[in-house]
Protein backbone atom coordinates (compact mmCIF):
# COMPACT_ATOMS: atom_id res chain seq x y z
CA MET A 1 192.92 -163.36 -22.27
CA THR A 2 189.47 -162.98 -20.83
CA PRO A 3 188.69 -166.25 -19.04
CA ASN A 4 185.13 -167.61 -18.91
CA PRO A 5 183.88 -165.39 -21.73
CA VAL A 6 180.27 -164.63 -22.50
CA SER A 7 178.92 -167.15 -25.00
CA VAL A 8 175.55 -168.11 -26.44
CA GLY A 9 173.86 -171.26 -27.65
CA PRO A 10 172.91 -171.81 -31.29
CA GLY A 11 169.24 -171.11 -30.59
CA ALA A 12 169.78 -167.65 -29.11
CA PRO A 13 167.43 -165.17 -30.81
CA VAL A 14 169.02 -162.37 -32.84
CA ALA A 15 167.26 -159.68 -30.78
CA ALA A 16 168.87 -161.12 -27.62
CA LEU A 17 172.27 -161.16 -29.37
CA VAL A 18 171.96 -157.49 -30.27
CA ASP A 19 171.01 -156.62 -26.68
CA LEU A 20 173.89 -158.72 -25.29
CA LEU A 21 176.52 -157.15 -27.56
CA ILE A 22 175.34 -153.65 -26.70
CA GLU A 23 174.91 -154.22 -22.95
CA LYS A 24 178.27 -155.97 -22.52
CA ASP A 25 180.05 -153.67 -25.02
CA LEU A 26 181.28 -156.67 -27.01
CA ASN A 27 182.31 -156.96 -30.66
CA GLY A 28 181.24 -160.58 -30.81
CA VAL A 29 180.36 -163.72 -28.90
CA PRO A 30 181.19 -167.38 -29.48
CA VAL A 31 178.31 -169.72 -30.25
CA VAL A 32 178.87 -172.96 -28.34
CA ASP A 33 177.13 -176.30 -28.02
CA LYS A 34 176.20 -177.84 -24.66
CA SER A 35 179.69 -179.28 -24.18
CA GLY A 36 181.39 -175.91 -24.74
CA ARG A 37 182.64 -176.62 -28.29
CA VAL A 38 182.69 -173.55 -30.50
CA LEU A 39 180.30 -173.76 -33.45
CA GLY A 40 180.92 -170.23 -34.70
CA MET A 41 181.01 -166.56 -33.78
CA VAL A 42 178.39 -163.85 -34.00
CA THR A 43 180.01 -160.47 -34.44
CA THR A 44 178.73 -156.98 -34.92
CA GLY A 45 179.84 -157.41 -38.54
CA ASP A 46 177.52 -160.41 -38.96
CA LEU A 47 174.59 -158.40 -37.63
CA ILE A 48 175.31 -155.31 -39.73
CA HIS A 49 174.03 -157.33 -42.71
CA ARG A 50 170.53 -156.73 -41.37
CA VAL A 51 170.90 -152.99 -41.87
CA ALA A 52 172.80 -153.17 -45.16
CA ASP A 53 170.40 -155.61 -46.80
CA GLU A 54 167.41 -153.45 -45.95
CA HIS A 55 168.84 -150.12 -47.08
CA VAL A 56 171.46 -150.70 -49.77
CA PRO A 57 170.48 -152.03 -53.19
CA SER A 58 172.43 -155.06 -54.39
CA ARG A 59 175.25 -154.31 -56.82
CA GLU A 60 174.70 -157.57 -58.68
CA PRO A 61 171.64 -158.43 -60.73
CA VAL A 62 169.42 -160.89 -58.86
CA TRP A 63 169.90 -163.64 -61.50
CA ARG A 64 173.71 -163.41 -61.20
CA GLU A 65 173.64 -163.52 -57.41
CA SER A 66 171.26 -166.50 -57.48
CA PHE A 67 173.44 -168.29 -60.04
CA TYR A 68 176.61 -167.88 -57.98
CA LYS A 69 174.87 -169.00 -54.80
CA SER A 70 173.40 -172.09 -56.46
CA VAL A 71 176.62 -173.13 -58.21
CA PHE A 72 179.22 -172.35 -55.56
CA ARG A 73 177.50 -173.08 -52.26
CA ARG A 74 179.16 -175.90 -50.34
CA ASP A 75 176.39 -177.81 -48.64
CA GLY A 76 173.28 -176.88 -50.57
CA TYR A 77 172.16 -174.35 -47.98
CA ASP A 78 173.43 -170.80 -47.92
CA PRO A 79 171.69 -168.88 -45.14
CA ASN A 80 171.36 -165.16 -45.57
CA PRO A 81 172.67 -163.56 -42.37
CA ALA A 82 170.24 -160.68 -42.82
CA GLU A 83 167.30 -163.06 -42.59
CA GLY A 84 168.47 -165.34 -39.78
CA ALA A 85 166.49 -165.50 -36.57
CA THR A 86 168.98 -167.36 -34.35
CA ALA A 87 172.69 -167.36 -33.59
CA ALA A 88 173.16 -170.50 -35.71
CA GLU A 89 171.63 -168.75 -38.71
CA VAL A 90 173.72 -165.56 -38.52
CA MET A 91 177.04 -166.78 -37.10
CA SER A 92 180.29 -167.01 -38.99
CA ARG A 93 181.28 -170.66 -39.11
CA ASP A 94 184.74 -172.13 -38.52
CA PRO A 95 186.21 -169.07 -36.78
CA ALA A 96 189.94 -168.62 -36.41
CA TYR A 97 191.10 -169.46 -32.89
CA VAL A 98 194.17 -169.82 -30.69
CA THR A 99 195.12 -172.23 -27.95
CA PRO A 100 196.53 -171.35 -24.53
CA SER A 101 200.01 -172.43 -25.65
CA ASP A 102 200.06 -170.17 -28.73
CA ASP A 103 202.35 -167.16 -28.81
CA MET A 104 200.83 -163.68 -28.94
CA ALA A 105 202.37 -163.23 -32.42
CA VAL A 106 200.14 -166.05 -33.68
CA ALA A 107 197.09 -164.28 -32.29
CA ALA A 108 198.16 -160.95 -33.79
CA ARG A 109 198.65 -162.55 -37.20
CA LEU A 110 195.24 -164.26 -37.06
CA LEU A 111 193.48 -161.08 -35.95
CA LEU A 112 194.97 -159.21 -38.89
CA GLU A 113 194.55 -161.94 -41.50
CA HIS A 114 190.92 -162.62 -40.61
CA ARG A 115 190.09 -158.97 -39.94
CA VAL A 116 188.49 -159.73 -36.60
CA LYS A 117 188.71 -157.97 -33.25
CA SER A 118 188.82 -161.02 -31.01
CA LEU A 119 189.54 -164.75 -31.14
CA PRO A 120 188.24 -167.64 -29.08
CA VAL A 121 190.85 -169.47 -27.03
CA LEU A 122 190.22 -173.21 -27.22
CA GLU A 123 191.65 -175.95 -25.04
CA GLU A 124 190.95 -179.46 -26.30
CA GLY A 125 188.28 -177.97 -28.56
CA ARG A 126 186.41 -176.21 -25.75
CA LEU A 127 186.11 -172.49 -25.13
CA VAL A 128 188.28 -171.31 -22.22
CA GLY A 129 188.67 -167.64 -23.08
CA MET A 130 188.78 -164.85 -25.60
CA VAL A 131 191.76 -162.79 -26.69
CA SER A 132 191.27 -159.38 -28.23
CA ARG A 133 193.30 -156.69 -29.91
CA LEU A 134 193.27 -154.83 -26.60
CA ASP A 135 194.81 -157.83 -24.84
CA LEU A 136 197.70 -157.69 -27.28
CA LEU A 137 198.09 -153.94 -26.82
CA ARG A 138 198.30 -154.47 -23.06
CA CYS A 139 201.20 -156.83 -23.68
CA LEU A 140 202.93 -154.24 -25.83
CA ARG A 141 202.47 -151.66 -23.11
CA GLY A 142 204.41 -153.91 -20.78
CA HIS A 143 201.94 -155.00 -18.14
CA PRO A 144 203.72 -157.73 -16.16
CA ASP A 145 200.58 -159.87 -15.96
CA CYS A 146 200.23 -159.88 -19.75
CA CYS A 147 203.49 -161.53 -20.75
CA ASN A 148 201.44 -164.39 -22.14
CA PRO A 149 197.93 -163.21 -23.03
CA PHE A 150 196.60 -166.76 -23.01
CA LYS A 151 197.86 -167.67 -19.56
CA ARG A 152 195.09 -168.12 -17.07
CA HIS A 153 195.28 -165.70 -14.19
CA ASP A 154 193.36 -167.67 -11.60
């Protein structure tokens, strides 16, 4: 686990998110409120929509896409990640997560099922770390300090 991970607030501008992901060589960052509760995740996948929406024509007729969005949206608002200006507008909501007491098999299963590269580690609802695919590979390789990837190494 990476303790004290990089995170952003919901108002972080998309341009700053892109710079942060590139500069820190990250696949994603948690979006947290002032108390450290995770609101969502912004991943490289979320930001790729900006490129795809500009350069790839939609496969669905506009009327069909509009119909599905209007009928099946949950809360009446369905933000388009390609048009969002802030972390809150482009983030994936309700991300999968693990707790410090979870086994690495739980993390591996979640990473595969949700097709993500990293998961937030939450303790009492607050962000305390991130666990990635590489963390799990380190455990497989047999590093003694990685027996439990969620254990804090203070």
